[in-house]
Protein backbone atom coordinates (compact mmCIF):
# COMPACT_ATOMS: atom_id res chain seq x y z
CA MET A 1 64.91 82.23 73.98
CA THR A 2 65.95 78.70 72.99
CA ASN A 3 65.41 79.03 69.23
CA GLN A 4 65.41 82.78 68.95
CA GLN A 5 68.19 84.92 67.61
CA ILE A 6 70.34 86.68 70.21
CA SER A 7 71.24 90.29 69.52
CA ILE A 8 74.44 91.76 70.93
CA VAL A 9 75.65 95.29 71.52
CA LEU A 10 79.42 95.43 71.98
CA VAL A 11 80.89 98.37 73.88
CA GLY A 12 84.49 98.76 72.75
CA MET A 13 85.59 97.76 69.23
CA GLY A 14 89.32 98.00 69.93
CA GLY A 15 91.42 96.16 72.48
CA TYR A 16 89.74 93.06 73.83
CA GLY A 17 86.55 93.91 71.96
CA GLN A 18 88.30 92.70 68.82
CA ILE A 19 88.55 89.20 70.30
CA TYR A 20 84.76 89.12 70.63
CA LEU A 21 84.26 90.43 67.10
CA GLU A 22 86.62 87.82 65.70
CA ARG A 23 84.65 85.01 67.35
CA ILE A 24 81.23 86.35 66.36
CA PHE A 25 82.18 87.22 62.78
CA SER A 26 83.78 83.78 62.30
CA GLY A 27 80.36 82.13 62.20
CA HIS A 28 81.10 80.22 65.40
CA TYR A 29 77.60 80.88 66.71
CA GLU A 30 74.23 80.24 65.12
CA ASN A 31 71.46 82.79 65.68
CA VAL A 32 73.83 85.33 67.25
CA TYR A 33 74.44 88.72 65.64
CA VAL A 34 75.81 92.17 66.46
CA THR A 35 73.06 94.75 66.28
CA GLY A 36 75.19 97.73 67.30
CA LEU A 37 78.63 98.84 68.44
CA VAL A 38 79.75 101.59 70.79
CA ASP A 39 83.15 103.25 70.38
CA ILE A 40 84.46 106.81 70.23
CA ALA A 41 87.26 105.84 67.80
CA PRO A 42 85.92 102.85 65.82
CA GLU A 43 88.38 103.30 62.96
CA ARG A 44 91.16 102.01 65.23
CA SER A 45 89.61 98.54 65.26
CA ARG A 46 90.98 95.98 62.80
CA PHE A 47 87.34 94.99 62.18
CA TYR A 48 86.22 98.48 61.22
CA GLN A 49 85.94 97.74 57.52
CA GLU A 50 84.04 94.52 58.12
CA VAL A 51 81.64 96.39 60.39
CA MET A 52 81.14 98.93 57.62
CA ASN A 53 80.59 96.16 55.07
CA GLN A 54 77.95 94.56 57.28
CA GLU A 55 76.33 97.97 57.85
CA ILE A 56 76.33 97.52 61.61
CA PRO A 57 75.58 100.90 63.21
CA ILE A 58 78.22 102.46 65.47
CA TYR A 59 77.32 104.79 68.33
CA HIS A 60 79.45 107.12 70.42
CA THR A 61 77.69 106.22 73.67
CA LEU A 62 75.63 103.34 75.01
CA GLU A 63 72.84 105.82 75.74
CA ASP A 64 72.73 106.65 72.02
CA PHE A 65 72.41 102.96 71.17
CA TYR A 66 69.46 102.39 73.52
CA GLN A 67 67.65 105.43 72.16
CA GLU A 68 67.39 103.58 68.85
CA GLN A 69 67.76 99.87 69.61
CA THR A 70 67.63 97.09 72.15
CA ALA A 71 69.92 94.08 72.66
CA ASP A 72 69.59 90.75 74.40
CA LEU A 73 73.21 90.88 75.54
CA ALA A 74 75.56 93.78 76.19
CA ILE A 75 79.27 92.96 76.16
CA ILE A 76 81.20 95.64 78.03
CA ALA A 77 84.84 95.82 76.85
CA SER A 78 85.40 99.47 77.69
CA PRO A 79 87.76 101.29 80.12
CA ILE A 80 87.57 100.16 83.75
CA HIS A 81 85.94 103.33 85.09
CA LEU A 82 83.01 102.97 82.67
CA HIS A 83 82.09 99.39 83.57
CA LYS A 84 79.62 100.15 86.35
CA SER A 85 77.63 102.86 84.60
CA GLN A 86 77.46 100.96 81.30
CA ALA A 87 76.62 97.61 82.89
CA CYS A 88 73.86 99.15 85.01
CA LEU A 89 72.46 101.10 82.06
CA ALA A 90 72.38 97.94 79.94
CA MET A 91 70.56 95.94 82.62
CA GLU A 92 68.07 98.77 83.15
CA GLN A 93 67.43 98.73 79.40
CA GLY A 94 66.67 95.00 79.42
CA SER A 95 70.02 93.51 78.39
CA HIS A 96 71.95 90.75 80.10
CA VAL A 97 75.57 91.79 80.63
CA LEU A 98 78.97 90.19 80.14
CA CYS A 99 81.41 92.73 81.57
CA GLU A 100 85.14 92.42 81.04
CA LYS A 101 87.43 92.19 84.05
CA PRO A 102 87.88 93.87 86.42
CA ALA A 103 84.28 94.52 87.40
CA THR A 104 85.18 98.02 88.60
CA GLY A 105 87.88 99.85 90.51
CA ASN A 106 85.44 100.84 93.25
CA PRO A 107 83.98 98.30 95.75
CA GLN A 108 80.92 100.49 96.33
CA GLN A 109 80.17 100.49 92.60
CA LEU A 110 80.23 96.71 92.60
CA GLN A 111 77.40 96.71 95.11
CA GLU A 112 75.42 99.01 92.81
CA MET A 113 75.95 96.53 89.98
CA ILE A 114 74.67 93.68 92.16
CA GLN A 115 71.64 95.69 93.25
CA THR A 116 70.82 96.59 89.65
CA ARG A 117 71.11 92.96 88.60
CA ASP A 118 68.80 91.84 91.41
CA ARG A 119 66.26 94.57 90.70
CA THR A 120 66.14 94.00 86.93
CA GLY A 121 66.43 90.22 87.04
CA LYS A 122 69.15 90.28 84.39
CA LYS A 123 72.25 88.10 84.30
CA LEU A 124 75.60 89.73 85.05
CA ALA A 125 78.88 87.94 84.39
CA ILE A 126 82.41 89.27 84.94
CA GLY A 127 84.83 88.03 82.28
CA PHE A 128 87.66 86.35 84.17
CA ASN A 129 88.57 83.84 81.47
CA TRP A 130 89.63 80.76 83.41
CA SER A 131 86.61 80.72 85.75
CA PHE A 132 84.31 79.90 82.83
CA THR A 133 86.27 76.90 81.56
CA ASN A 134 85.23 73.31 82.14
CA THR A 135 88.73 72.64 83.48
CA ILE A 136 88.56 75.16 86.31
CA GLN A 137 84.96 74.34 87.11
CA GLN A 138 85.92 70.69 87.51
CA LEU A 139 89.01 71.57 89.55
CA LYS A 140 87.02 73.77 91.90
CA HIS A 141 84.29 71.15 92.20
CA ASP A 142 86.93 68.63 93.25
CA ILE A 143 88.42 71.10 95.73
CA LEU A 144 85.03 71.72 97.35
CA LYS A 145 84.32 68.00 97.39
CA GLY A 146 87.40 67.56 99.56
CA THR A 147 89.30 65.48 97.01
CA PHE A 148 92.62 67.12 97.92
CA GLY A 149 91.91 67.78 101.59
CA ARG A 150 92.07 71.22 103.17
CA ALA A 151 93.66 74.06 101.20
CA ILE A 152 96.79 75.39 102.92
CA SER A 153 98.46 77.86 100.56
CA MET A 154 98.28 79.17 97.01
CA LYS A 155 100.77 81.22 95.02
CA SER A 156 101.11 82.60 91.50
CA LEU A 157 103.84 84.30 89.46
CA VAL A 158 103.29 86.28 86.24
CA LEU A 159 106.14 88.05 84.43
CA TRP A 160 104.79 89.80 81.35
CA PRO A 161 106.94 92.49 79.68
CA ARG A 162 104.94 95.51 78.54
CA ASN A 163 106.57 98.39 76.70
CA ALA A 164 105.84 102.10 76.32
CA ASP A 165 103.18 101.46 73.67
CA TYR A 166 101.19 99.51 76.23
CA PHE A 167 101.34 102.27 78.82
CA ASN A 168 100.48 104.89 76.17
CA ARG A 169 97.62 102.88 74.69
CA SER A 170 94.94 105.13 76.16
CA SER A 171 94.38 108.22 78.30
CA TRP A 172 93.46 106.06 81.30
CA ALA A 173 96.32 103.53 81.17
CA GLY A 174 98.23 103.42 84.43
CA LYS A 175 95.98 106.05 85.99
CA GLN A 176 94.45 106.03 89.46
CA TYR A 177 91.45 108.23 88.60
CA SER A 178 89.60 109.46 85.54
CA SER A 179 89.19 113.15 84.73
CA ASP A 180 85.78 112.90 86.42
CA GLY A 181 87.26 111.42 89.58
CA ASP A 182 86.10 107.84 88.95
CA TRP A 183 88.37 105.13 90.33
CA ILE A 184 90.40 103.32 87.68
CA PHE A 185 93.46 101.86 89.46
CA ASP A 186 94.77 100.46 86.17
CA SER A 187 97.81 98.39 87.05
CA VAL A 188 99.56 95.08 86.47
CA ALA A 189 97.22 93.49 89.04
CA ASN A 190 94.02 95.19 87.89
CA ASN A 191 94.31 94.64 84.17
CA ALA A 192 96.69 92.38 82.22
CA THR A 193 97.30 89.87 85.03
CA ALA A 194 94.05 90.40 86.95
CA HIS A 195 92.85 86.97 85.81
CA PHE A 196 95.49 85.17 87.80
CA LEU A 197 95.02 87.01 91.09
CA HIS A 198 91.27 86.41 90.86
CA HIS A 199 91.96 82.76 90.02
CA LEU A 200 93.55 82.13 93.42
CA PHE A 201 90.67 83.83 95.22
CA TYR A 202 88.15 81.82 93.20
CA LEU A 203 89.76 78.44 93.82
CA ALA A 204 89.96 79.25 97.54
CA GLY A 205 86.25 80.16 97.71
CA ASP A 206 83.82 78.13 99.81
CA THR A 207 81.17 77.77 97.07
CA MET A 208 81.10 77.49 93.27
CA GLU A 209 79.64 81.00 93.04
CA THR A 210 82.02 82.83 95.37
CA SER A 211 85.67 83.57 96.02
CA ALA A 212 87.44 83.49 99.37
CA SER A 213 87.14 86.63 101.50
CA ILE A 214 90.24 88.49 102.64
CA LYS A 215 91.15 88.62 106.32
CA GLU A 216 94.46 90.47 105.96
CA LEU A 217 96.58 91.88 103.13
CA THR A 218 100.17 93.16 102.99
CA CYS A 219 101.92 94.19 99.80
CA GLU A 220 104.86 95.84 98.11
CA LEU A 221 104.11 97.97 95.04
CA TYR A 222 106.64 99.54 92.67
CA ARG A 223 106.87 101.22 89.31
CA ALA A 224 109.60 101.47 86.70
CA ASN A 225 107.42 103.12 84.06
CA PRO A 226 106.13 106.71 84.33
CA ILE A 227 102.61 105.82 85.50
CA GLU A 228 100.47 106.76 88.50
CA THR A 229 99.88 103.22 89.75
CA PHE A 230 102.31 100.27 89.67
CA ASP A 231 103.76 97.88 87.11
CA THR A 232 105.16 95.48 89.72
CA CYS A 233 103.60 93.95 92.83
CA ALA A 234 104.18 91.41 95.54
CA VAL A 235 101.11 90.66 97.65
CA GLU A 236 100.57 88.38 100.62
CA ILE A 237 97.00 87.62 101.71
CA GLN A 238 95.35 85.60 104.43
CA THR A 239 91.77 84.58 103.71
CA THR A 240 89.00 84.17 106.26
CA ASN A 241 88.98 80.43 105.52
CA HIS A 242 92.67 80.16 106.45
CA VAL A 243 94.37 79.98 103.06
CA ASN A 244 97.68 81.84 102.66
CA ILE A 245 98.03 83.45 99.23
CA LEU A 246 101.10 84.98 97.55
CA TYR A 247 100.82 86.88 94.28
CA LEU A 248 103.80 88.21 92.32
CA ALA A 249 103.60 90.05 88.99
CA SER A 250 105.56 92.53 86.90
CA HIS A 251 105.65 94.24 83.52
CA ALA A 252 109.19 95.60 84.08
CA VAL A 253 111.12 92.49 83.01
CA ALA A 254 112.87 91.49 79.79
CA ASN A 255 111.67 87.88 79.51
CA GLU A 256 108.10 86.65 79.41
CA HIS A 257 107.04 83.83 81.70
CA ARG A 258 103.58 82.41 81.29
CA PRO A 259 101.38 82.56 84.42
CA ARG A 260 102.14 79.76 86.84
CA TYR A 261 100.75 78.71 90.18
CA LYS A 262 101.11 76.18 92.97
CA LEU A 263 98.28 75.08 95.26
CA VAL A 264 99.18 73.19 98.42
CA PHE A 265 96.55 70.93 99.99
CA GLU A 266 96.67 68.34 102.76
CA LYS A 267 96.67 65.40 100.33
CA ALA A 268 98.22 66.84 97.18
CA VAL A 269 100.12 69.69 95.54
CA ILE A 270 98.69 71.13 92.32
CA HIS A 271 101.07 72.74 89.80
CA TYR A 272 100.41 74.79 86.70
CA GLU A 273 103.74 75.68 85.10
CA PRO A 274 103.06 76.14 81.38
CA VAL A 275 105.95 76.24 78.94
CA GLU A 276 104.28 75.32 75.66
CA GLU A 277 100.76 75.29 74.30
CA ASP A 278 98.40 72.70 75.74
CA ASP A 279 100.27 72.31 79.02
CA GLN A 280 98.34 70.65 81.80
CA ILE A 281 97.51 71.26 85.43
CA VAL A 282 99.33 68.52 87.32
CA VAL A 283 98.21 67.04 90.64
CA GLN A 284 101.01 65.42 92.62
CA TRP A 285 99.58 63.20 95.33
CA LYS A 286 101.32 62.41 98.60
CA ASP A 287 101.71 58.78 97.49
CA GLY A 288 103.76 59.88 94.47
CA THR A 289 101.08 59.39 91.80
CA GLU A 290 99.97 62.12 89.39
CA THR A 291 96.70 63.13 87.74
CA THR A 292 96.04 66.01 85.36
CA TYR A 293 93.50 68.58 84.21
CA GLU A 294 93.44 70.20 80.78
CA ASP A 295 95.07 73.58 80.16
CA PRO A 296 92.53 76.34 80.93
CA GLU A 297 94.21 78.59 78.34
CA LYS A 298 92.60 76.72 75.45
CA ASP A 299 89.62 79.05 75.06
CA HIS A 300 89.60 82.66 76.24
CA LEU A 301 85.98 83.06 75.19
CA ALA A 302 84.43 80.21 77.14
CA LYS A 303 82.78 83.09 79.04
CA LEU A 304 80.76 84.08 75.98
CA ASP A 305 79.73 80.47 75.36
CA VAL A 306 78.58 80.15 78.98
CA MET A 307 76.68 83.43 78.85
CA LEU A 308 74.87 82.57 75.62
CA SER A 309 73.98 79.12 76.95
CA ALA A 310 72.61 80.61 80.18
CA MET A 311 70.47 83.02 78.17
CA LYS A 312 69.16 80.36 75.80
CA ASN A 313 68.30 77.96 78.61
CA ASP A 314 67.24 80.61 81.14
CA ASP A 315 69.91 79.24 83.45
CA ASP A 316 71.22 81.31 86.35
CA SER A 317 74.54 79.44 86.44
CA ILE A 318 76.89 81.95 84.82
CA LEU A 319 79.88 80.67 86.85
CA CYS A 320 81.60 84.00 87.54
CA GLY A 321 79.26 86.78 88.62
CA PRO A 322 79.97 89.91 90.67
CA GLU A 323 80.04 87.94 93.92
CA ALA A 324 82.94 85.83 92.64
CA ALA A 325 84.69 88.93 91.27
CA SER A 326 84.24 91.00 94.43
CA THR A 327 87.36 89.78 96.25
CA HIS A 328 89.56 90.97 93.41
CA VAL A 329 87.97 94.44 93.55
CA GLU A 330 88.48 94.58 97.31
CA ALA A 331 92.09 93.37 97.01
CA ILE A 332 93.02 96.10 94.51
CA TYR A 333 91.48 98.76 96.76
CA ALA A 334 93.33 97.35 99.77
CA MET A 335 96.62 97.33 97.88
CA HIS A 336 96.30 101.04 97.20
CA GLN A 337 95.45 101.59 100.87
CA SER A 338 98.49 99.56 101.88
CA VAL A 339 100.82 101.62 99.65
CA PRO A 340 99.02 104.92 98.91
CA ASN A 341 102.14 106.52 97.40
CA VAL A 342 103.69 103.98 95.06
CA PRO A 343 107.50 104.32 94.98
CA SER A 344 109.66 104.02 91.90
CA PHE A 345 112.47 101.50 91.76
CA PRO A 346 115.93 103.01 92.42
CA ASP A 347 117.07 104.96 89.35
CA HIS A 348 120.29 103.00 88.93
CA LEU A 349 118.31 99.77 88.50
CA ILE A 350 115.94 101.06 85.81
CA HIS A 351 116.89 100.75 82.15
CA TYR A 352 115.02 101.86 79.05
CA HIS A 353 115.69 99.90 75.84
CA PRO A 354 114.94 102.07 72.77
CA SER A 355 114.95 99.11 70.38
CA ASN A 356 111.73 97.70 71.83
CA LYS A 357 110.66 100.63 74.03
CA LEU A 358 110.78 98.38 77.08
CA THR A 359 111.70 99.49 80.61
CA THR A 360 113.28 96.84 82.83
CA VAL A 361 114.69 96.60 86.35
CA ASP A 362 118.00 94.92 87.06
CA GLY A 363 117.62 91.67 88.99
CA LEU A 364 113.83 91.90 89.24
CA GLU A 365 113.07 88.73 87.33
CA GLY A 366 115.33 86.61 89.51
CA LEU A 367 114.14 88.27 92.70
CA TRP A 368 110.46 87.67 91.96
CA LYS A 369 111.22 84.03 91.09
CA ASN A 370 113.06 83.67 94.39
CA CYS A 371 110.14 85.18 96.31
CA TYR A 372 107.85 82.71 94.55
CA LEU A 373 110.05 79.76 95.53
CA GLN A 374 110.37 80.89 99.15
CA PHE A 375 106.77 82.15 99.51
CA CYS A 376 107.79 85.57 100.77
CA LEU A 377 107.79 89.28 100.02
CA PRO A 378 111.01 90.99 98.88
CA HIS A 379 111.61 92.84 102.15
CA GLU A 380 111.75 89.47 103.91
CA LEU A 381 114.86 88.71 101.84
CA ASP A 382 116.46 91.95 103.07
CA VAL A 383 116.44 93.55 99.63
CA PRO A 384 117.85 97.06 100.34
CA TRP A 385 115.30 99.07 98.36
CA SER A 386 112.23 97.07 99.39
CA SER A 387 109.72 97.83 102.11
CA ALA A 388 106.30 96.46 102.98
CA GLY A 389 103.21 98.60 102.95
CA LYS A 390 100.75 98.88 105.78
CA THR A 391 98.92 95.69 106.68
CA ILE A 392 95.23 96.06 105.83
CA THR A 393 92.80 94.12 108.01
CA PHE A 394 89.26 93.50 106.79
């Protein structure tokens, strides 16, 4: 396929699908073209007119597309509960697949995706942005090489305000299950900030192709918005390779804080605390010296570059396949087992701001920052309304 054109079918023209269309339509790639699009409401995409101008056919279902066409690569940017069926259909029809995160809401479905990949011999990548960057590949290589010594703990904090428009963006937003009973589990940890929970699992993994496995998980889940799942979480995890992980995230805050993390190793502490564009990952060594890695936020579509390169060179190294993404799927499932009935924050703490349609919780931002600093869950700070869910052992 080295000098041949690569045809793409994109499932999902709105949402994140628009990021793919922007890159492809910009002329960034040679010999790459969109042969078909799948969307039930294509007119909502800001690229609808350009698609019409280029006379690219639009289909209501992926089945309809494959009845008329084929594609070298299927990019799946559809709702979570459709990922498995669409990815498997595409592989069965001869397409390699780049599926947006999360892989699925159902651990059993992930195994079906792996089996289909192995049976068809097609490539399957899961689009966790950072895992495909040269920066994170180099960082993980250095971790596995023992450069920093043994990993001891890892933690991440993400505070991303999301208003009512976000939670009303689709019929499946914030839902546990689809109308057909498929698992969605759309939440702060399974959608907008999923990248950063996966990132900790990936860096803690024992090989370049895998993430660390979970030994034990305890969490606190809450909601301020009228959704079925949760918009706020605090999760503590022990991995089978003895790394302690803390993950804190919320949409119910007024101020945005870019994702940050801290990795503690025997020989060094690694910080990523971005404030401005082009911030760096900083390694602070025990002797007081510092080294850096580039900001992994520079290119959200490194995953597409990697996938196209793997196809052109018939290379199996796609960096983040379903094996690497599996721990995230299992963690989300375990979180819902830990807290099967997600509580709302106390009413007197919840405030809705009509001017920007944002719902916030008094004191939440400071509390989550404090938990991050102290590496603990809220109930360990004796917060009156907080309580830990059941500990899930794997």
